[in-house]
Amino acid sequence: MSEIPEETREHIESDPFCAKLGIELVDLGAGTAVTELEVTEDMLNFHGTPHGGAVYSLADAAFAASSNSHGTTAVALETNMSYLEAVEVGQTLRAEAEETHMAGRTAEYSIDVTADGDRVATFRGRVYRFVD
């Protein structure tokens, strides 16, 4: 992945919500990001499967990191998530974000969430970029 200024990386890594959930920024590049989260017992819903909000938060963290990687503030305009498979406690979820379109003040991102190499969710999002 492309080199990101240390100040931008530190800003993205300082997210207190990600720290609370245990979401780790694994890699960051221009318009790309990888985040990971180990599924723990306290992330389960009443069905005994990981809460959709935990999976969403992991994907959203990759979305936020990738969309802000250019050093320009970017905020979500819209997102959607498709849940494909449930996972189990102890598995590590990995979200890989990729910038798929950028035009002026908006950009679009696609994020695949995998567990053990199998896709378990897909997230798409658009941002507004505060550019001069």
C-alpha atoms as a PDB file:
ATOM      1  CA  MET A   1       0.000   0.000   0.000  1.00  0.00           C
ATOM      2  CA  SER A   2       1.078   3.620  -0.564  1.00  0.00           C
ATOM      3  CA  GLU A   3       2.930   5.518   2.136  1.00  0.00           C
ATOM      4  CA  ILE A   4       0.680   7.625   4.374  1.00  0.00           C
ATOM      5  CA  PRO A   5       2.004  10.609   6.382  1.00  0.00           C
ATOM      6  CA  GLU A   6       2.589   9.616  10.017  1.00  0.00           C
ATOM      7  CA  GLU A   7       0.309  12.419  11.253  1.00  0.00           C
ATOM      8  CA  THR A   8      -2.604  11.051   9.179  1.00  0.00           C
ATOM      9  CA  ARG A   9      -1.945   7.487  10.349  1.00  0.00           C
ATOM     10  CA  GLU A  10      -1.782   8.551  14.012  1.00  0.00           C
ATOM     11  CA  HIS A  11      -5.009  10.546  13.677  1.00  0.00           C
ATOM     12  CA  ILE A  12      -6.847   7.538  12.240  1.00  0.00           C
ATOM     13  CA  GLU A  13      -5.348   5.129  14.797  1.00  0.00           C
ATOM     14  CA  SER A  14      -6.479   7.355  17.695  1.00  0.00           C
ATOM     15  CA  ASP A  15     -10.162   6.372  17.280  1.00  0.00           C
ATOM     16  CA  PRO A  16     -11.498   5.690  20.816  1.00  0.00           C
ATOM     17  CA  PHE A  17     -14.503   3.657  19.598  1.00  0.00           C
ATOM     18  CA  CYS A  18     -12.243   1.262  17.690  1.00  0.00           C
ATOM     19  CA  ALA A  19     -10.013   0.942  20.741  1.00  0.00           C
ATOM     20  CA  LYS A  20     -13.062   0.132  22.900  1.00  0.00           C
ATOM     21  CA  LEU A  21     -14.176  -2.638  20.522  1.00  0.00           C
ATOM     22  CA  GLY A  22     -10.678  -4.000  19.895  1.00  0.00           C
ATOM     23  CA  ILE A  23     -10.608  -3.075  16.199  1.00  0.00           C
ATOM     24  CA  GLU A  24      -7.036  -2.936  14.927  1.00  0.00           C
ATOM     25  CA  LEU A  25      -5.833  -0.944  11.918  1.00  0.00           C
ATOM     26  CA  VAL A  26      -3.611  -3.501  10.173  1.00  0.00           C
ATOM     27  CA  ASP A  27      -2.703  -1.574   7.028  1.00  0.00           C
ATOM     28  CA  LEU A  28      -3.368   1.838   5.513  1.00  0.00           C
ATOM     29  CA  GLY A  29      -2.718   3.129   2.026  1.00  0.00           C
ATOM     30  CA  ALA A  30      -4.019   5.868  -0.245  1.00  0.00           C
ATOM     31  CA  GLY A  31      -7.713   4.984  -0.530  1.00  0.00           C
ATOM     32  CA  THR A  32      -7.264   1.574   1.115  1.00  0.00           C
ATOM     33  CA  ALA A  33      -7.327   0.155   4.622  1.00  0.00           C
ATOM     34  CA  VAL A  34      -7.401  -3.180   6.423  1.00  0.00           C
ATOM     35  CA  THR A  35      -8.907  -3.625   9.884  1.00  0.00           C
ATOM     36  CA  GLU A  36      -9.261  -6.739  12.050  1.00  0.00           C
ATOM     37  CA  LEU A  37     -11.360  -7.778  15.026  1.00  0.00           C
ATOM     38  CA  GLU A  38     -11.348 -11.016  17.015  1.00  0.00           C
ATOM     39  CA  VAL A  39     -14.884 -12.159  17.836  1.00  0.00           C
ATOM     40  CA  THR A  40     -15.353 -12.523  21.597  1.00  0.00           C
ATOM     41  CA  GLU A  41     -18.239 -13.771  23.769  1.00  0.00           C
ATOM     42  CA  ASP A  42     -19.299 -10.241  24.663  1.00  0.00           C
ATOM     43  CA  MET A  43     -19.968  -9.489  20.966  1.00  0.00           C
ATOM     44  CA  LEU A  44     -22.690 -12.134  20.652  1.00  0.00           C
ATOM     45  CA  ASN A  45     -26.378 -11.380  20.293  1.00  0.00           C
ATOM     46  CA  PHE A  46     -29.224 -13.422  21.802  1.00  0.00           C
ATOM     47  CA  HIS A  47     -28.917 -15.948  18.929  1.00  0.00           C
ATOM     48  CA  GLY A  48     -25.345 -16.725  19.962  1.00  0.00           C
ATOM     49  CA  THR A  49     -23.866 -15.188  16.819  1.00  0.00           C
ATOM     50  CA  PRO A  50     -21.833 -11.976  16.523  1.00  0.00           C
ATOM     51  CA  HIS A  51     -24.020  -8.893  16.699  1.00  0.00           C
ATOM     52  CA  GLY A  52     -24.404  -7.240  13.305  1.00  0.00           C
ATOM     53  CA  GLY A  53     -23.307  -3.968  14.881  1.00  0.00           C
ATOM     54  CA  ALA A  54     -19.900  -5.428  15.713  1.00  0.00           C
ATOM     55  CA  VAL A  55     -19.395  -6.617  12.126  1.00  0.00           C
ATOM     56  CA  TYR A  56     -20.675  -3.291  10.799  1.00  0.00           C
ATOM     57  CA  SER A  57     -18.327  -1.358  13.109  1.00  0.00           C
ATOM     58  CA  LEU A  58     -15.326  -3.286  11.779  1.00  0.00           C
ATOM     59  CA  ALA A  59     -16.267  -2.524   8.164  1.00  0.00           C
ATOM     60  CA  ASP A  60     -17.088   1.081   9.022  1.00  0.00           C
ATOM     61  CA  ALA A  61     -13.647   1.488  10.634  1.00  0.00           C
ATOM     62  CA  ALA A  62     -11.980   0.335   7.400  1.00  0.00           C
ATOM     63  CA  PHE A  63     -14.285   2.673   5.448  1.00  0.00           C
ATOM     64  CA  ALA A  64     -13.371   5.637   7.669  1.00  0.00           C
ATOM     65  CA  ALA A  65      -9.650   4.882   7.528  1.00  0.00           C
ATOM     66  CA  SER A  66      -9.538   4.464   3.760  1.00  0.00           C
ATOM     67  CA  SER A  67     -11.688   7.523   3.038  1.00  0.00           C
ATOM     68  CA  ASN A  68      -9.594   9.746   5.345  1.00  0.00           C
ATOM     69  CA  SER A  69      -6.239   8.324   4.207  1.00  0.00           C
ATOM     70  CA  HIS A  70      -5.688  11.173   1.737  1.00  0.00           C
ATOM     71  CA  GLY A  71      -5.362  13.637   4.642  1.00  0.00           C
ATOM     72  CA  THR A  72      -8.657  15.323   3.751  1.00  0.00           C
ATOM     73  CA  THR A  73     -11.572  15.066   6.183  1.00  0.00           C
ATOM     74  CA  ALA A  74     -14.224  12.725   4.791  1.00  0.00           C
ATOM     75  CA  VAL A  75     -17.597  11.994   6.403  1.00  0.00           C
ATOM     76  CA  ALA A  76     -20.143   9.324   5.514  1.00  0.00           C
ATOM     77  CA  LEU A  77     -23.044  10.253   3.249  1.00  0.00           C
ATOM     78  CA  GLU A  78     -24.521   6.771   3.026  1.00  0.00           C
ATOM     79  CA  THR A  79     -23.625   3.172   3.770  1.00  0.00           C
ATOM     80  CA  ASN A  80     -25.142  -0.255   3.359  1.00  0.00           C
ATOM     81  CA  MET A  81     -24.186  -3.694   4.601  1.00  0.00           C
ATOM     82  CA  SER A  82     -25.033  -7.190   3.438  1.00  0.00           C
ATOM     83  CA  TYR A  83     -24.500  -9.998   5.944  1.00  0.00           C
ATOM     84  CA  LEU A  84     -23.678 -13.275   4.188  1.00  0.00           C
ATOM     85  CA  GLU A  85     -22.518 -15.769   6.840  1.00  0.00           C
ATOM     86  CA  ALA A  86     -22.329 -15.956  10.621  1.00  0.00           C
ATOM     87  CA  VAL A  87     -18.993 -16.542  12.344  1.00  0.00           C
ATOM     88  CA  GLU A  88     -17.975 -18.017  15.683  1.00  0.00           C
ATOM     89  CA  VAL A  89     -16.245 -16.817  18.817  1.00  0.00           C
ATOM     90  CA  GLY A  90     -12.490 -16.883  18.387  1.00  0.00           C
ATOM     91  CA  GLN A  91     -12.530 -16.174  14.663  1.00  0.00           C
ATOM     92  CA  THR A  92     -10.793 -13.037  13.414  1.00  0.00           C
ATOM     93  CA  LEU A  93     -12.776 -10.841  11.066  1.00  0.00           C
ATOM     94  CA  ARG A  94     -10.829  -8.865   8.472  1.00  0.00           C
ATOM     95  CA  ALA A  95     -12.242  -5.869   6.594  1.00  0.00           C
ATOM     96  CA  GLU A  96     -10.465  -4.760   3.420  1.00  0.00           C
ATOM     97  CA  ALA A  97     -11.513  -1.366   2.049  1.00  0.00           C
ATOM     98  CA  GLU A  98     -10.869  -0.124  -1.453  1.00  0.00           C
ATOM     99  CA  GLU A  99     -11.656   3.221  -3.012  1.00  0.00           C
ATOM    100  CA  THR A 100     -13.737   2.494  -6.112  1.00  0.00           C
ATOM    101  CA  HIS A 101     -14.547   6.036  -7.268  1.00  0.00           C
ATOM    102  CA  MET A 102     -13.515   9.589  -6.429  1.00  0.00           C
ATOM    103  CA  ALA A 103     -14.870  12.702  -8.119  1.00  0.00           C
ATOM    104  CA  GLY A 104     -14.454  16.139  -6.586  1.00  0.00           C
ATOM    105  CA  ARG A 105     -16.076  16.212  -3.157  1.00  0.00           C
ATOM    106  CA  THR A 106     -17.413  12.642  -3.076  1.00  0.00           C
ATOM    107  CA  ALA A 107     -15.865   9.194  -3.109  1.00  0.00           C
ATOM    108  CA  GLU A 108     -17.120   5.610  -2.979  1.00  0.00           C
ATOM    109  CA  TYR A 109     -15.661   2.601  -1.147  1.00  0.00           C
ATOM    110  CA  SER A 110     -16.206  -1.142  -1.186  1.00  0.00           C
ATOM    111  CA  ILE A 111     -15.329  -3.211   1.876  1.00  0.00           C
ATOM    112  CA  ASP A 112     -15.247  -7.015   2.030  1.00  0.00           C
ATOM    113  CA  VAL A 113     -15.359  -8.620   5.468  1.00  0.00           C
ATOM    114  CA  THR A 114     -13.815 -12.088   5.637  1.00  0.00           C
ATOM    115  CA  ALA A 115     -13.211 -14.804   8.220  1.00  0.00           C
ATOM    116  CA  ASP A 116     -10.675 -17.528   7.470  1.00  0.00           C
ATOM    117  CA  GLY A 117     -10.533 -16.252   3.886  1.00  0.00           C
ATOM    118  CA  ASP A 118     -14.296 -16.591   3.282  1.00  0.00           C
ATOM    119  CA  ARG A 119     -16.386 -13.484   2.624  1.00  0.00           C
ATOM    120  CA  VAL A 120     -18.963 -13.068   5.400  1.00  0.00           C
ATOM    121  CA  ALA A 121     -20.223  -9.527   4.702  1.00  0.00           C
ATOM    122  CA  THR A 122     -20.047  -6.753   2.128  1.00  0.00           C
ATOM    123  CA  PHE A 123     -20.166  -3.036   2.935  1.00  0.00           C
ATOM    124  CA  ARG A 124     -20.409  -0.104   0.548  1.00  0.00           C
ATOM    125  CA  GLY A 125     -20.192   3.549   1.434  1.00  0.00           C
ATOM    126  CA  ARG A 126     -19.972   7.044   0.003  1.00  0.00           C
ATOM    127  CA  VAL A 127     -18.329  10.037   1.638  1.00  0.00           C
ATOM    128  CA  TYR A 128     -18.332  13.788   1.358  1.00  0.00           C
ATOM    129  CA  ARG A 129     -14.796  15.180   1.229  1.00  0.00           C
ATOM    130  CA  PHE A 130     -14.000  18.639   2.641  1.00  0.00           C
ATOM    131  CA  VAL A 131     -11.654  19.724  -0.160  1.00  0.00           C
ATOM    132  CA  ASP A 132     -10.756  23.305  -1.168  1.00  0.00           C
END
